[in-house]
């Protein structure tokens, strides 16, 4: 499971470099997320822009990754593909995760550009 972690201000951006998060890779995803987020900042933003398929095992792996962060840290999602966005809507997990359409909105870049 290929994940790239990059600091973004006080947050951590984790990009999934796979086209699927499903039963075949769910355990590897959870392990990789644990490794890249361990001891990290209070907010992790997961870039799903390359993920074209997410099944129930993948959804469970996302929830598990959120729980590993603990109550004092947050996992937000960014740029899900239409198919993945549909899974979140159908399962109502879009009410559990904050989901941002792109990096600018996830990190408030547009807001900074218009500030004072």
PDB file of N, CA and C in Angstrom:
ATOM      1  N   UNK A   1       0.862  -1.176   0.000  1.00  0.00           N
ATOM      2  CA  UNK A   1       0.000   0.000   0.000  1.00  0.00           C
ATOM      3  C   UNK A   1       0.901   1.230   0.000  1.00  0.00           C
ATOM      4  N   UNK A   2       0.773   2.035  -1.034  1.00  0.00           N
ATOM      5  CA  UNK A   2       1.610   3.230  -1.188  1.00  0.00           C
ATOM      6  C   UNK A   2       0.882   4.467  -0.667  1.00  0.00           C
ATOM      7  N   UNK A   3       1.435   5.078   0.382  1.00  0.00           N
ATOM      8  CA  UNK A   3       0.930   6.334   0.927  1.00  0.00           C
ATOM      9  C   UNK A   3       2.082   7.329   0.964  1.00  0.00           C
ATOM     10  N   UNK A   4       1.806   8.563   0.570  1.00  0.00           N
ATOM     11  CA  UNK A   4       2.804   9.631   0.677  1.00  0.00           C
ATOM     12  C   UNK A   4       2.316  10.631   1.707  1.00  0.00           C
ATOM     13  N   UNK A   5       3.139  10.922   2.701  1.00  0.00           N
ATOM     14  CA  UNK A   5       2.777  11.862   3.758  1.00  0.00           C
ATOM     15  C   UNK A   5       3.602  13.137   3.618  1.00  0.00           C
ATOM     16  N   UNK A   6       2.901  14.276   3.612  1.00  0.00           N
ATOM     17  CA  UNK A   6       3.549  15.572   3.451  1.00  0.00           C
ATOM     18  C   UNK A   6       2.961  16.570   4.441  1.00  0.00           C
ATOM     19  N   UNK A   7       3.814  17.271   5.212  1.00  0.00           N
ATOM     20  CA  UNK A   7       3.285  18.296   6.113  1.00  0.00           C
ATOM     21  C   UNK A   7       2.637  19.428   5.315  1.00  0.00           C
ATOM     22  N   UNK A   8       1.526  19.946   5.823  1.00  0.00           N
ATOM     23  CA  UNK A   8       0.841  21.112   5.244  1.00  0.00           C
ATOM     24  C   UNK A   8       0.510  22.042   6.398  1.00  0.00           C
ATOM     25  N   UNK A   9       1.405  22.973   6.684  1.00  0.00           N
ATOM     26  CA  UNK A   9       1.220  23.836   7.841  1.00  0.00           C
ATOM     27  C   UNK A   9       1.241  23.005   9.111  1.00  0.00           C
ATOM     28  N   UNK A  10       0.194  23.131   9.918  1.00  0.00           N
ATOM     29  CA  UNK A  10       0.099  22.352  11.162  1.00  0.00           C
ATOM     30  C   UNK A  10      -0.512  20.984  10.936  1.00  0.00           C
ATOM     31  N   UNK A  11      -0.923  20.669   9.705  1.00  0.00           N
ATOM     32  CA  UNK A  11      -1.611  19.420   9.386  1.00  0.00           C
ATOM     33  C   UNK A  11      -0.678  18.458   8.635  1.00  0.00           C
ATOM     34  N   UNK A  12      -1.182  17.250   8.420  1.00  0.00           N
ATOM     35  CA  UNK A  12      -0.461  16.253   7.635  1.00  0.00           C
ATOM     36  C   UNK A  12      -1.359  15.825   6.481  1.00  0.00           C
ATOM     37  N   UNK A  13      -0.850  15.932   5.259  1.00  0.00           N
ATOM     38  CA  UNK A  13      -1.568  15.457   4.078  1.00  0.00           C
ATOM     39  C   UNK A  13      -1.032  14.076   3.735  1.00  0.00           C
ATOM     40  N   UNK A  14      -1.925  13.094   3.660  1.00  0.00           N
ATOM     41  CA  UNK A  14      -1.550  11.731   3.295  1.00  0.00           C
ATOM     42  C   UNK A  14      -2.259  11.394   1.990  1.00  0.00           C
ATOM     43  N   UNK A  15      -1.474  11.155   0.943  1.00  0.00           N
ATOM     44  CA  UNK A  15      -2.032  10.832  -0.368  1.00  0.00           C
ATOM     45  C   UNK A  15      -1.995   9.327  -0.591  1.00  0.00           C
ATOM     46  N   UNK A  16      -3.141   8.760  -0.947  1.00  0.00           N
ATOM     47  CA  UNK A  16      -3.227   7.335  -1.267  1.00  0.00           C
ATOM     48  C   UNK A  16      -2.814   7.182  -2.722  1.00  0.00           C
ATOM     49  N   UNK A  17      -1.775   6.391  -2.983  1.00  0.00           N
ATOM     50  CA  UNK A  17      -1.257   6.193  -4.336  1.00  0.00           C
ATOM     51  C   UNK A  17      -1.675   4.833  -4.902  1.00  0.00           C
ATOM     52  N   UNK A  18      -2.929   4.488  -4.648  1.00  0.00           N
ATOM     53  CA  UNK A  18      -3.504   3.228  -5.132  1.00  0.00           C
ATOM     54  C   UNK A  18      -4.857   3.538  -5.745  1.00  0.00           C
ATOM     55  N   UNK A  19      -5.325   2.680  -6.647  1.00  0.00           N
ATOM     56  CA  UNK A  19      -6.633   2.935  -7.259  1.00  0.00           C
ATOM     57  C   UNK A  19      -7.776   2.247  -6.530  1.00  0.00           C
ATOM     58  N   UNK A  20      -7.450   1.430  -5.518  1.00  0.00           N
ATOM     59  CA  UNK A  20      -8.491   0.722  -4.776  1.00  0.00           C
ATOM     60  C   UNK A  20      -8.146   0.638  -3.293  1.00  0.00           C
ATOM     61  N   UNK A  21      -9.172   0.787  -2.472  1.00  0.00           N
ATOM     62  CA  UNK A  21      -9.061   0.417  -1.055  1.00  0.00           C
ATOM     63  C   UNK A  21     -10.188  -0.581  -0.843  1.00  0.00           C
ATOM     64  N   UNK A  22      -9.815  -1.852  -0.845  1.00  0.00           N
ATOM     65  CA  UNK A  22     -10.805  -2.921  -0.762  1.00  0.00           C
ATOM     66  C   UNK A  22     -10.299  -4.023   0.165  1.00  0.00           C
ATOM     67  N   UNK A  23     -11.008  -5.130   0.192  1.00  0.00           N
ATOM     68  CA  UNK A  23     -10.674  -6.228   1.102  1.00  0.00           C
ATOM     69  C   UNK A  23      -9.239  -6.719   0.911  1.00  0.00           C
ATOM     70  N   UNK A  24      -8.740  -6.664  -0.318  1.00  0.00           N
ATOM     71  CA  UNK A  24      -7.399  -7.168  -0.603  1.00  0.00           C
ATOM     72  C   UNK A  24      -6.297  -6.318   0.035  1.00  0.00           C
ATOM     73  N   UNK A  25      -6.571  -5.038   0.294  1.00  0.00           N
ATOM     74  CA  UNK A  25      -5.527  -4.152   0.814  1.00  0.00           C
ATOM     75  C   UNK A  25      -5.915  -3.456   2.122  1.00  0.00           C
ATOM     76  N   UNK A  26      -7.071  -3.777   2.677  1.00  0.00           N
ATOM     77  CA  UNK A  26      -7.565  -3.067   3.866  1.00  0.00           C
ATOM     78  C   UNK A  26      -6.578  -3.145   5.029  1.00  0.00           C
ATOM     79  N   UNK A  27      -6.029  -4.314   5.304  1.00  0.00           N
ATOM     80  CA  UNK A  27      -5.095  -4.477   6.422  1.00  0.00           C
ATOM     81  C   UNK A  27      -3.821  -3.679   6.164  1.00  0.00           C
ATOM     82  N   UNK A  28      -3.304  -3.750   4.934  1.00  0.00           N
ATOM     83  CA  UNK A  28      -2.098  -2.989   4.589  1.00  0.00           C
ATOM     84  C   UNK A  28      -2.354  -1.484   4.702  1.00  0.00           C
ATOM     85  N   UNK A  29      -3.559  -1.048   4.300  1.00  0.00           N
ATOM     86  CA  UNK A  29      -3.910   0.368   4.405  1.00  0.00           C
ATOM     87  C   UNK A  29      -3.880   0.809   5.870  1.00  0.00           C
ATOM     88  N   UNK A  30      -4.528   0.038   6.736  1.00  0.00           N
ATOM     89  CA  UNK A  30      -4.561   0.389   8.167  1.00  0.00           C
ATOM     90  C   UNK A  30      -3.151   0.463   8.735  1.00  0.00           C
ATOM     91  N   UNK A  31      -2.304  -0.522   8.405  1.00  0.00           N
ATOM     92  CA  UNK A  31      -0.926  -0.539   8.904  1.00  0.00           C
ATOM     93  C   UNK A  31      -0.133   0.654   8.385  1.00  0.00           C
ATOM     94  N   UNK A  32      -0.284   0.954   7.096  1.00  0.00           N
ATOM     95  CA  UNK A  32       0.446   2.077   6.499  1.00  0.00           C
ATOM     96  C   UNK A  32      -0.014   3.405   7.106  1.00  0.00           C
ATOM     97  N   UNK A  33      -1.320   3.553   7.327  1.00  0.00           N
ATOM     98  CA  UNK A  33      -1.828   4.776   7.950  1.00  0.00           C
ATOM     99  C   UNK A  33      -1.284   4.926   9.367  1.00  0.00           C
ATOM    100  N   UNK A  34      -1.239   3.845  10.094  1.00  0.00           N
ATOM    101  CA  UNK A  34      -0.715   3.885  11.462  1.00  0.00           C
ATOM    102  C   UNK A  34       0.737   4.364  11.441  1.00  0.00           C
ATOM    103  N   UNK A  35       1.520   3.846  10.505  1.00  0.00           N
ATOM    104  CA  UNK A  35       2.934   4.222  10.427  1.00  0.00           C
ATOM    105  C   UNK A  35       3.123   5.693  10.075  1.00  0.00           C
ATOM    106  N   UNK A  36       2.402   6.182   9.076  1.00  0.00           N
ATOM    107  CA  UNK A  36       2.646   7.566   8.616  1.00  0.00           C
ATOM    108  C   UNK A  36       2.026   8.619   9.527  1.00  0.00           C
ATOM    109  N   UNK A  37       1.046   8.230  10.347  1.00  0.00           N
ATOM    110  CA  UNK A  37       0.393   9.224  11.212  1.00  0.00           C
ATOM    111  C   UNK A  37       0.861   9.156  12.659  1.00  0.00           C
ATOM    112  N   UNK A  38       1.631   8.144  13.012  1.00  0.00           N
ATOM    113  CA  UNK A  38       2.053   7.973  14.398  1.00  0.00           C
ATOM    114  C   UNK A  38       2.810   9.200  14.899  1.00  0.00           C
ATOM    115  N   UNK A  39       2.340   9.748  16.004  1.00  0.00           N
ATOM    116  CA  UNK A  39       3.000  10.893  16.599  1.00  0.00           C
ATOM    117  C   UNK A  39       2.876  12.171  15.792  1.00  0.00           C
ATOM    118  N   UNK A  40       1.984  12.181  14.841  1.00  0.00           N
ATOM    119  CA  UNK A  40       1.838  13.336  13.966  1.00  0.00           C
ATOM    120  C   UNK A  40       0.926  14.405  14.527  1.00  0.00           C
ATOM    121  N   UNK A  41       0.563  15.357  13.678  1.00  0.00           N
ATOM    122  CA  UNK A  41      -0.255  16.486  14.115  1.00  0.00           C
ATOM    123  C   UNK A  41      -1.696  16.087  14.437  1.00  0.00           C
ATOM    124  N   UNK A  42      -2.433  17.041  14.969  1.00  0.00           N
ATOM    125  CA  UNK A  42      -3.808  16.807  15.407  1.00  0.00           C
ATOM    126  C   UNK A  42      -4.765  16.563  14.245  1.00  0.00           C
ATOM    127  N   UNK A  43      -4.404  17.010  13.047  1.00  0.00           N
ATOM    128  CA  UNK A  43      -5.292  16.832  11.892  1.00  0.00           C
ATOM    129  C   UNK A  43      -4.551  16.153  10.753  1.00  0.00           C
ATOM    130  N   UNK A  44      -5.166  15.091  10.228  1.00  0.00           N
ATOM    131  CA  UNK A  44      -4.655  14.373   9.068  1.00  0.00           C
ATOM    132  C   UNK A  44      -5.698  14.500   7.962  1.00  0.00           C
ATOM    133  N   UNK A  45      -5.244  14.881   6.775  1.00  0.00           N
ATOM    134  CA  UNK A  45      -6.135  14.976   5.620  1.00  0.00           C
ATOM    135  C   UNK A  45      -5.723  13.888   4.640  1.00  0.00           C
ATOM    136  N   UNK A  46      -6.662  13.010   4.309  1.00  0.00           N
ATOM    137  CA  UNK A  46      -6.396  11.884   3.425  1.00  0.00           C
ATOM    138  C   UNK A  46      -6.861  12.217   2.013  1.00  0.00           C
ATOM    139  N   UNK A  47      -5.913  12.269   1.079  1.00  0.00           N
ATOM    140  CA  UNK A  47      -6.192  12.576  -0.323  1.00  0.00           C
ATOM    141  C   UNK A  47      -6.613  11.286  -1.030  1.00  0.00           C
ATOM    142  N   UNK A  48      -7.884  11.256  -1.465  1.00  0.00           N
ATOM    143  CA  UNK A  48      -8.445  10.068  -2.126  1.00  0.00           C
ATOM    144  C   UNK A  48      -8.586  10.259  -3.636  1.00  0.00           C
ATOM    145  N   UNK A  49      -7.919  11.243  -4.202  1.00  0.00           N
ATOM    146  CA  UNK A  49      -8.113  11.590  -5.613  1.00  0.00           C
ATOM    147  C   UNK A  49      -7.712  10.495  -6.590  1.00  0.00           C
ATOM    148  N   UNK A  50      -6.861   9.558  -6.179  1.00  0.00           N
ATOM    149  CA  UNK A  50      -6.452   8.467  -7.070  1.00  0.00           C
ATOM    150  C   UNK A  50      -7.207   7.172  -6.809  1.00  0.00           C
ATOM    151  N   UNK A  51      -8.084   7.182  -5.801  1.00  0.00           N
ATOM    152  CA  UNK A  51      -8.830   5.965  -5.435  1.00  0.00           C
ATOM    153  C   UNK A  51     -10.135   5.921  -6.231  1.00  0.00           C
ATOM    154  N   UNK A  52     -10.236   4.955  -7.119  1.00  0.00           N
ATOM    155  CA  UNK A  52     -11.430   4.828  -7.947  1.00  0.00           C
ATOM    156  C   UNK A  52     -12.454   3.852  -7.399  1.00  0.00           C
ATOM    157  N   UNK A  53     -12.039   3.043  -6.408  1.00  0.00           N
ATOM    158  CA  UNK A  53     -12.944   2.026  -5.862  1.00  0.00           C
ATOM    159  C   UNK A  53     -12.724   1.879  -4.367  1.00  0.00           C
ATOM    160  N   UNK A  54     -13.820   1.874  -3.630  1.00  0.00           N
ATOM    161  CA  UNK A  54     -13.804   1.679  -2.187  1.00  0.00           C
ATOM    162  C   UNK A  54     -14.950   0.750  -1.834  1.00  0.00           C
ATOM    163  N   UNK A  55     -14.653  -0.392  -1.185  1.00  0.00           N
ATOM    164  CA  UNK A  55     -15.728  -1.291  -0.770  1.00  0.00           C
ATOM    165  C   UNK A  55     -15.919  -1.201   0.743  1.00  0.00           C
ATOM    166  N   UNK A  56     -16.772  -2.057   1.279  1.00  0.00           N
ATOM    167  CA  UNK A  56     -17.074  -1.985   2.712  1.00  0.00           C
ATOM    168  C   UNK A  56     -15.835  -2.248   3.566  1.00  0.00           C
ATOM    169  N   UNK A  57     -14.943  -3.116   3.103  1.00  0.00           N
ATOM    170  CA  UNK A  57     -13.699  -3.363   3.848  1.00  0.00           C
ATOM    171  C   UNK A  57     -12.826  -2.116   3.850  1.00  0.00           C
ATOM    172  N   UNK A  58     -12.778  -1.432   2.718  1.00  0.00           N
ATOM    173  CA  UNK A  58     -12.021  -0.189   2.637  1.00  0.00           C
ATOM    174  C   UNK A  58     -12.609   0.881   3.530  1.00  0.00           C
ATOM    175  N   UNK A  59     -13.934   0.943   3.555  1.00  0.00           N
ATOM    176  CA  UNK A  59     -14.620   1.898   4.425  1.00  0.00           C
ATOM    177  C   UNK A  59     -14.309   1.588   5.894  1.00  0.00           C
ATOM    178  N   UNK A  60     -14.327   0.314   6.223  1.00  0.00           N
ATOM    179  CA  UNK A  60     -13.968  -0.103   7.580  1.00  0.00           C
ATOM    180  C   UNK A  60     -12.531   0.263   7.920  1.00  0.00           C
ATOM    181  N   UNK A  61     -11.646   0.153   6.945  1.00  0.00           N
ATOM    182  CA  UNK A  61     -10.242   0.512   7.161  1.00  0.00           C
ATOM    183  C   UNK A  61     -10.099   2.012   7.415  1.00  0.00           C
ATOM    184  N   UNK A  62     -10.892   2.829   6.729  1.00  0.00           N
ATOM    185  CA  UNK A  62     -10.873   4.277   6.972  1.00  0.00           C
ATOM    186  C   UNK A  62     -11.347   4.596   8.390  1.00  0.00           C
ATOM    187  N   UNK A  63     -12.408   3.939   8.804  1.00  0.00           N
ATOM    188  CA  UNK A  63     -12.928   4.152  10.162  1.00  0.00           C
ATOM    189  C   UNK A  63     -11.889   3.700  11.190  1.00  0.00           C
ATOM    190  N   UNK A  64     -11.252   2.565  10.931  1.00  0.00           N
ATOM    191  CA  UNK A  64     -10.211   2.075  11.846  1.00  0.00           C
ATOM    192  C   UNK A  64      -9.049   3.066  11.924  1.00  0.00           C
ATOM    193  N   UNK A  65      -8.671   3.651  10.790  1.00  0.00           N
ATOM    194  CA  UNK A  65      -7.585   4.642  10.777  1.00  0.00           C
ATOM    195  C   UNK A  65      -7.981   5.871  11.591  1.00  0.00           C
ATOM    196  N   UNK A  66      -9.247   6.266  11.493  1.00  0.00           N
ATOM    197  CA  UNK A  66      -9.743   7.391  12.269  1.00  0.00           C
ATOM    198  C   UNK A  66      -9.668   7.070  13.765  1.00  0.00           C
ATOM    199  N   UNK A  67     -10.046   5.853  14.135  1.00  0.00           N
ATOM    200  CA  UNK A  67     -10.039   5.467  15.548  1.00  0.00           C
ATOM    201  C   UNK A  67      -8.624   5.368  16.102  1.00  0.00           C
ATOM    202  N   UNK A  68      -7.672   4.954  15.270  1.00  0.00           N
ATOM    203  CA  UNK A  68      -6.276   4.866  15.707  1.00  0.00           C
ATOM    204  C   UNK A  68      -5.749   6.253  16.072  1.00  0.00           C
ATOM    205  N   UNK A  69      -6.234   7.288  15.384  1.00  0.00           N
ATOM    206  CA  UNK A  69      -5.797   8.647  15.696  1.00  0.00           C
ATOM    207  C   UNK A  69      -6.234   9.070  17.093  1.00  0.00           C
ATOM    208  N   UNK A  70      -7.325   8.497  17.569  1.00  0.00           N
ATOM    209  CA  UNK A  70      -7.798   8.802  18.915  1.00  0.00           C
ATOM    210  C   UNK A  70      -8.699  10.024  18.942  1.00  0.00           C
ATOM    211  N   UNK A  71      -9.258  10.309  20.110  1.00  0.00           N
ATOM    212  CA  UNK A  71     -10.250  11.381  20.226  1.00  0.00           C
ATOM    213  C   UNK A  71      -9.682  12.792  20.083  1.00  0.00           C
ATOM    214  N   UNK A  72      -8.384  12.951  20.278  1.00  0.00           N
ATOM    215  CA  UNK A  72      -7.800  14.293  20.214  1.00  0.00           C
ATOM    216  C   UNK A  72      -7.275  14.654  18.825  1.00  0.00           C
ATOM    217  N   UNK A  73      -7.401  13.707  17.885  1.00  0.00           N
ATOM    218  CA  UNK A  73      -6.923  13.952  16.517  1.00  0.00           C
ATOM    219  C   UNK A  73      -8.065  13.727  15.540  1.00  0.00           C
ATOM    220  N   UNK A  74      -7.925  14.298  14.339  1.00  0.00           N
ATOM    221  CA  UNK A  74      -9.011  14.269  13.360  1.00  0.00           C
ATOM    222  C   UNK A  74      -8.511  13.747  12.017  1.00  0.00           C
ATOM    223  N   UNK A  75      -9.348  12.935  11.351  1.00  0.00           N
ATOM    224  CA  UNK A  75      -9.080  12.470   9.993  1.00  0.00           C
ATOM    225  C   UNK A  75     -10.133  13.073   9.075  1.00  0.00           C
ATOM    226  N   UNK A  76      -9.695  13.939   8.167  1.00  0.00           N
ATOM    227  CA  UNK A  76     -10.569  14.519   7.154  1.00  0.00           C
ATOM    228  C   UNK A  76     -10.215  13.908   5.806  1.00  0.00           C
ATOM    229  N   UNK A  77     -11.166  13.947   4.896  1.00  0.00           N
ATOM    230  CA  UNK A  77     -10.971  13.362   3.563  1.00  0.00           C
ATOM    231  C   UNK A  77     -10.978  14.458   2.514  1.00  0.00           C
ATOM    232  N   UNK A  78     -10.211  14.228   1.439  1.00  0.00           N
ATOM    233  CA  UNK A  78     -10.088  15.234   0.397  1.00  0.00           C
ATOM    234  C   UNK A  78     -10.167  14.596  -0.989  1.00  0.00           C
ATOM    235  N   UNK A  79     -10.878  15.252  -1.871  1.00  0.00           N
ATOM    236  CA  UNK A  79     -10.910  14.949  -3.303  1.00  0.00           C
ATOM    237  C   UNK A  79     -11.315  13.509  -3.651  1.00  0.00           C
ATOM    238  N   UNK A  80     -12.371  12.983  -3.026  1.00  0.00           N
ATOM    239  CA  UNK A  80     -12.796  11.639  -3.423  1.00  0.00           C
ATOM    240  C   UNK A  80     -13.323  11.650  -4.858  1.00  0.00           C
ATOM    241  N   UNK A  81     -13.057  10.571  -5.566  1.00  0.00           N
ATOM    242  CA  UNK A  81     -13.593  10.424  -6.925  1.00  0.00           C
ATOM    243  C   UNK A  81     -15.112  10.249  -6.826  1.00  0.00           C
ATOM    244  N   UNK A  82     -15.842  10.457  -7.916  1.00  0.00           N
ATOM    245  CA  UNK A  82     -17.307  10.322  -7.856  1.00  0.00           C
ATOM    246  C   UNK A  82     -17.778   8.966  -7.316  1.00  0.00           C
ATOM    247  N   UNK A  83     -17.118   7.888  -7.717  1.00  0.00           N
ATOM    248  CA  UNK A  83     -17.528   6.558  -7.244  1.00  0.00           C
ATOM    249  C   UNK A  83     -17.328   6.423  -5.737  1.00  0.00           C
ATOM    250  N   UNK A  84     -16.226   6.943  -5.237  1.00  0.00           N
ATOM    251  CA  UNK A  84     -15.940   6.875  -3.802  1.00  0.00           C
ATOM    252  C   UNK A  84     -16.879   7.804  -3.039  1.00  0.00           C
ATOM    253  N   UNK A  85     -17.128   8.981  -3.584  1.00  0.00           N
ATOM    254  CA  UNK A  85     -18.063   9.921  -2.962  1.00  0.00           C
ATOM    255  C   UNK A  85     -19.445   9.275  -2.818  1.00  0.00           C
ATOM    256  N   UNK A  86     -19.849   8.511  -3.821  1.00  0.00           N
ATOM    257  CA  UNK A  86     -21.150   7.844  -3.791  1.00  0.00           C
ATOM    258  C   UNK A  86     -21.227   6.831  -2.648  1.00  0.00           C
ATOM    259  N   UNK A  87     -20.140   6.105  -2.408  1.00  0.00           N
ATOM    260  CA  UNK A  87     -20.092   5.146  -1.304  1.00  0.00           C
ATOM    261  C   UNK A  87     -20.294   5.880   0.028  1.00  0.00           C
ATOM    262  N   UNK A  88     -19.644   7.013   0.192  1.00  0.00           N
ATOM    263  CA  UNK A  88     -19.807   7.780   1.428  1.00  0.00           C
ATOM    264  C   UNK A  88     -21.238   8.262   1.594  1.00  0.00           C
ATOM    265  N   UNK A  89     -21.841   8.717   0.509  1.00  0.00           N
ATOM    266  CA  UNK A  89     -23.232   9.188   0.579  1.00  0.00           C
ATOM    267  C   UNK A  89     -24.190   8.050   0.903  1.00  0.00           C
ATOM    268  N   UNK A  90     -24.060   6.914   0.194  1.00  0.00           N
ATOM    269  CA  UNK A  90     -24.970   5.782   0.379  1.00  0.00           C
ATOM    270  C   UNK A  90     -24.886   5.196   1.789  1.00  0.00           C
ATOM    271  N   UNK A  91     -23.697   5.206   2.366  1.00  0.00           N
ATOM    272  CA  UNK A  91     -23.514   4.642   3.702  1.00  0.00           C
ATOM    273  C   UNK A  91     -23.667   5.701   4.800  1.00  0.00           C
ATOM    274  N   UNK A  92     -23.911   6.928   4.382  1.00  0.00           N
ATOM    275  CA  UNK A  92     -24.052   8.078   5.273  1.00  0.00           C
ATOM    276  C   UNK A  92     -22.777   8.363   6.057  1.00  0.00           C
ATOM    277  N   UNK A  93     -21.662   7.838   5.585  1.00  0.00           N
ATOM    278  CA  UNK A  93     -20.375   8.122   6.224  1.00  0.00           C
ATOM    279  C   UNK A  93     -19.924   9.543   5.909  1.00  0.00           C
ATOM    280  N   UNK A  94     -20.614  10.194   4.989  1.00  0.00           N
ATOM    281  CA  UNK A  94     -20.311  11.613   4.735  1.00  0.00           C
ATOM    282  C   UNK A  94     -20.754  12.481   5.919  1.00  0.00           C
ATOM    283  N   UNK A  95     -21.487  11.890   6.852  1.00  0.00           N
ATOM    284  CA  UNK A  95     -21.842  12.615   8.077  1.00  0.00           C
ATOM    285  C   UNK A  95     -20.819  12.365   9.188  1.00  0.00           C
ATOM    286  N   UNK A  96     -19.948  11.386   8.987  1.00  0.00           N
ATOM    287  CA  UNK A  96     -18.929  11.040   9.973  1.00  0.00           C
ATOM    288  C   UNK A  96     -17.619  11.772   9.672  1.00  0.00           C
ATOM    289  N   UNK A  97     -17.255  11.815   8.394  1.00  0.00           N
ATOM    290  CA  UNK A  97     -16.014  12.451   7.963  1.00  0.00           C
ATOM    291  C   UNK A  97     -16.306  13.825   7.374  1.00  0.00           C
ATOM    292  N   UNK A  98     -15.407  14.766   7.606  1.00  0.00           N
ATOM    293  CA  UNK A  98     -15.435  16.023   6.851  1.00  0.00           C
ATOM    294  C   UNK A  98     -14.795  15.704   5.507  1.00  0.00           C
ATOM    295  N   UNK A  99     -15.502  16.023   4.423  1.00  0.00           N
ATOM    296  CA  UNK A  99     -15.013  15.709   3.078  1.00  0.00           C
ATOM    297  C   UNK A  99     -14.880  17.005   2.293  1.00  0.00           C
ATOM    298  N   UNK A 100     -13.675  17.261   1.795  1.00  0.00           N
ATOM    299  CA  UNK A 100     -13.381  18.474   1.040  1.00  0.00           C
ATOM    300  C   UNK A 100     -13.150  18.133  -0.428  1.00  0.00           C
ATOM    301  N   UNK A 101     -13.640  18.975  -1.343  1.00  0.00           N
ATOM    302  CA  UNK A 101     -13.529  18.656  -2.772  1.00  0.00           C
ATOM    303  C   UNK A 101     -12.112  18.779  -3.329  1.00  0.00           C
ATOM    304  N   UNK A 102     -11.265  19.599  -2.697  1.00  0.00           N
ATOM    305  CA  UNK A 102      -9.913  19.808  -3.233  1.00  0.00           C
ATOM    306  C   UNK A 102      -8.983  20.304  -2.135  1.00  0.00           C
ATOM    307  N   UNK A 103      -7.704  20.433  -2.476  1.00  0.00           N
ATOM    308  CA  UNK A 103      -6.693  20.827  -1.494  1.00  0.00           C
ATOM    309  C   UNK A 103      -6.916  22.248  -0.989  1.00  0.00           C
ATOM    310  N   UNK A 104      -7.322  23.149  -1.862  1.00  0.00           N
ATOM    311  CA  UNK A 104      -7.557  24.531  -1.446  1.00  0.00           C
ATOM    312  C   UNK A 104      -8.601  24.600  -0.334  1.00  0.00           C
ATOM    313  N   UNK A 105      -9.700  23.901  -0.522  1.00  0.00           N
ATOM    314  CA  UNK A 105     -10.754  23.946   0.498  1.00  0.00           C
ATOM    315  C   UNK A 105     -10.346  23.174   1.756  1.00  0.00           C
ATOM    316  N   UNK A 106      -9.600  22.095   1.607  1.00  0.00           N
ATOM    317  CA  UNK A 106      -9.183  21.298   2.766  1.00  0.00           C
ATOM    318  C   UNK A 106      -8.246  22.071   3.685  1.00  0.00           C
ATOM    319  N   UNK A 107      -7.405  22.921   3.093  1.00  0.00           N
ATOM    320  CA  UNK A 107      -6.415  23.635   3.882  1.00  0.00           C
ATOM    321  C   UNK A 107      -6.663  25.134   3.962  1.00  0.00           C
ATOM    322  N   UNK A 108      -7.838  25.565   3.481  1.00  0.00           N
ATOM    323  CA  UNK A 108      -8.198  26.973   3.594  1.00  0.00           C
ATOM    324  C   UNK A 108      -7.314  27.919   2.809  1.00  0.00           C
ATOM    325  N   UNK A 109      -6.708  27.403   1.727  1.00  0.00           N
ATOM    326  CA  UNK A 109      -5.789  28.228   0.938  1.00  0.00           C
ATOM    327  C   UNK A 109      -6.518  29.408   0.314  1.00  0.00           C
ATOM    328  N   UNK A 110      -7.710  29.157  -0.203  1.00  0.00           N
ATOM    329  CA  UNK A 110      -8.495  30.244  -0.791  1.00  0.00           C
ATOM    330  C   UNK A 110      -8.825  31.309   0.228  1.00  0.00           C
ATOM    331  N   UNK A 111      -9.119  30.886   1.477  1.00  0.00           N
ATOM    332  CA  UNK A 111      -9.451  31.840   2.532  1.00  0.00           C
ATOM    333  C   UNK A 111      -8.243  32.732   2.847  1.00  0.00           C
ATOM    334  N   UNK A 112      -7.045  32.143   2.833  1.00  0.00           N
ATOM    335  CA  UNK A 112      -5.847  32.924   3.116  1.00  0.00           C
ATOM    336  C   UNK A 112      -5.576  33.933   2.019  1.00  0.00           C
ATOM    337  N   UNK A 113      -5.856  33.564   0.785  1.00  0.00           N
ATOM    338  CA  UNK A 113      -5.605  34.453  -0.346  1.00  0.00           C
ATOM    339  C   UNK A 113      -6.475  35.704  -0.276  1.00  0.00           C
ATOM    340  N   UNK A 114      -7.658  35.582   0.334  1.00  0.00           N
ATOM    341  CA  UNK A 114      -8.592  36.703   0.395  1.00  0.00           C
ATOM    342  C   UNK A 114      -8.519  37.444   1.718  1.00  0.00           C
ATOM    343  N   UNK A 115      -7.658  36.987   2.605  1.00  0.00           N
ATOM    344  CA  UNK A 115      -7.573  37.634   3.927  1.00  0.00           C
ATOM    345  C   UNK A 115      -6.911  39.003   3.817  1.00  0.00           C
ATOM    346  N   UNK A 116      -7.453  39.933   4.570  1.00  0.00           N
ATOM    347  CA  UNK A 116      -7.035  41.252   4.770  1.00  0.00           C
ATOM    348  C   UNK A 116      -6.208  41.990   3.868  1.00  0.00           C
TER     349      UNK A 116
END
